[in-house]
Amino acid sequence: MAFVANGARLIVLSDRGVDAEHAPIPSLLLTGAVHHHLVREKSRTQVSLVVESGDAREVHHIALLLGYGAAAGVDTYLTGRNMLPAPIDSTDRPIV
């Protein structure tokens, strides 16, 4: 990969910005493919992978991504949105 030869040390694999015409590749498939391509090119030890994904929602998903080569980190941007506290009304009860 030319960008690794030119000095890149971090690759961010992201599924942000998808729309009706551009479907995302599942993050585990993408991570494994990039990892093995870098191994074949003998440049895997020169670069780290970060995955920014909306499809990793459970601890098991994150563990698989780490095992498939995303050793620099995993950002699960949709999980954070779902974990926000519920809005509270004036009686201190969650608004559902």
Protein backbone atom coordinates (compact mmCIF):
# COMPACT_ATOMS: atom_id res chain seq x y z
CA MET A 1 0.00 0.00 0.00
CA ALA A 2 1.48 3.28 -1.12
CA PHE A 3 0.40 5.31 1.90
CA VAL A 4 2.25 2.96 4.27
CA ALA A 5 5.38 3.28 2.14
CA ASN A 6 4.93 7.07 2.33
CA GLY A 7 4.96 7.03 6.13
CA ALA A 8 1.37 6.47 7.28
CA ARG A 9 1.36 4.76 10.67
CA LEU A 10 -2.37 4.73 11.44
CA ILE A 11 -5.27 3.59 9.26
CA VAL A 12 -8.82 4.49 10.31
CA LEU A 13 -11.49 2.17 8.90
CA SER A 14 -14.87 3.89 9.18
CA ASP A 15 -18.44 3.28 8.13
CA ARG A 16 -19.56 6.87 8.72
CA GLY A 17 -21.05 8.74 5.82
CA VAL A 18 -22.96 5.82 4.33
CA ASP A 19 -26.28 6.48 2.66
CA ALA A 20 -28.89 4.76 0.50
CA GLU A 21 -26.45 4.53 -2.41
CA HIS A 22 -23.31 3.57 -0.45
CA ALA A 23 -23.81 0.58 1.82
CA PRO A 24 -21.21 -0.04 4.54
CA ILE A 25 -18.97 -3.08 4.54
CA PRO A 26 -19.37 -4.98 7.83
CA SER A 27 -16.56 -3.83 10.10
CA LEU A 28 -15.30 -7.32 10.94
CA LEU A 29 -15.03 -8.25 7.25
CA LEU A 30 -13.27 -4.98 6.45
CA THR A 31 -10.85 -5.23 9.36
CA GLY A 32 -9.90 -8.81 8.54
CA ALA A 33 -9.42 -8.02 4.85
CA VAL A 34 -7.19 -4.99 5.49
CA HIS A 35 -5.20 -6.85 8.17
CA HIS A 36 -4.49 -9.82 5.89
CA HIS A 37 -3.66 -7.57 2.93
CA LEU A 38 -1.10 -5.75 5.07
CA VAL A 39 0.34 -9.10 6.22
CA ARG A 40 0.68 -10.27 2.60
CA GLU A 41 2.39 -7.00 1.69
CA LYS A 42 4.75 -7.41 4.67
CA SER A 43 3.75 -4.02 6.06
CA ARG A 44 1.43 -5.02 8.91
CA THR A 45 4.01 -4.27 11.62
CA GLN A 46 4.47 -0.74 10.27
CA VAL A 47 0.87 0.43 10.67
CA SER A 48 -1.93 0.27 13.26
CA LEU A 49 -5.65 -0.08 12.59
CA VAL A 50 -8.48 1.86 14.23
CA VAL A 51 -12.10 0.88 13.52
CA GLU A 52 -14.89 3.47 13.74
CA SER A 53 -18.06 1.45 13.46
CA GLY A 54 -21.78 1.59 14.02
CA ASP A 55 -22.25 -2.17 13.81
CA ALA A 56 -20.15 -3.10 16.86
CA ARG A 57 -22.68 -2.95 19.68
CA GLU A 58 -21.61 -5.59 22.19
CA VAL A 59 -18.43 -6.45 24.04
CA HIS A 60 -18.11 -9.58 21.90
CA HIS A 61 -18.16 -7.50 18.69
CA ILE A 62 -15.37 -5.28 20.01
CA ALA A 63 -13.33 -8.30 21.13
CA LEU A 64 -13.62 -9.79 17.64
CA LEU A 65 -12.49 -6.54 16.01
CA LEU A 66 -9.48 -6.41 18.32
CA GLY A 67 -8.70 -10.04 17.50
CA TYR A 68 -9.01 -9.38 13.77
CA GLY A 69 -6.40 -6.64 13.88
CA ALA A 70 -7.90 -3.39 15.21
CA ALA A 71 -5.29 -3.28 17.95
CA ALA A 72 -5.06 0.52 18.00
CA GLY A 73 -8.70 0.87 19.01
CA VAL A 74 -12.41 0.59 18.28
CA ASP A 75 -14.85 3.52 18.32
CA THR A 76 -18.47 2.40 18.48
CA TYR A 77 -20.15 5.70 17.77
CA LEU A 78 -23.75 4.41 17.72
CA THR A 79 -23.43 2.61 21.05
CA GLY A 80 -22.65 5.86 22.82
CA ARG A 81 -25.80 7.50 21.50
CA ASN A 82 -27.95 4.66 22.78
CA MET A 83 -26.42 4.86 26.25
CA LEU A 84 -27.28 8.50 26.94
CA PRO A 85 -29.34 8.98 30.07
CA ALA A 86 -33.07 9.42 29.59
CA PRO A 87 -34.33 13.01 29.84
CA ILE A 88 -35.74 13.83 33.27
CA ASP A 89 -38.95 15.80 33.85
CA SER A 90 -39.63 18.18 36.75
CA THR A 91 -40.62 15.25 39.01
CA ASP A 92 -37.25 13.54 38.48
CA ARG A 93 -38.83 10.71 36.49
CA PRO A 94 -37.41 9.56 33.15
CA ILE A 95 -39.35 10.73 30.11
CA VAL A 96 -39.98 7.70 27.94
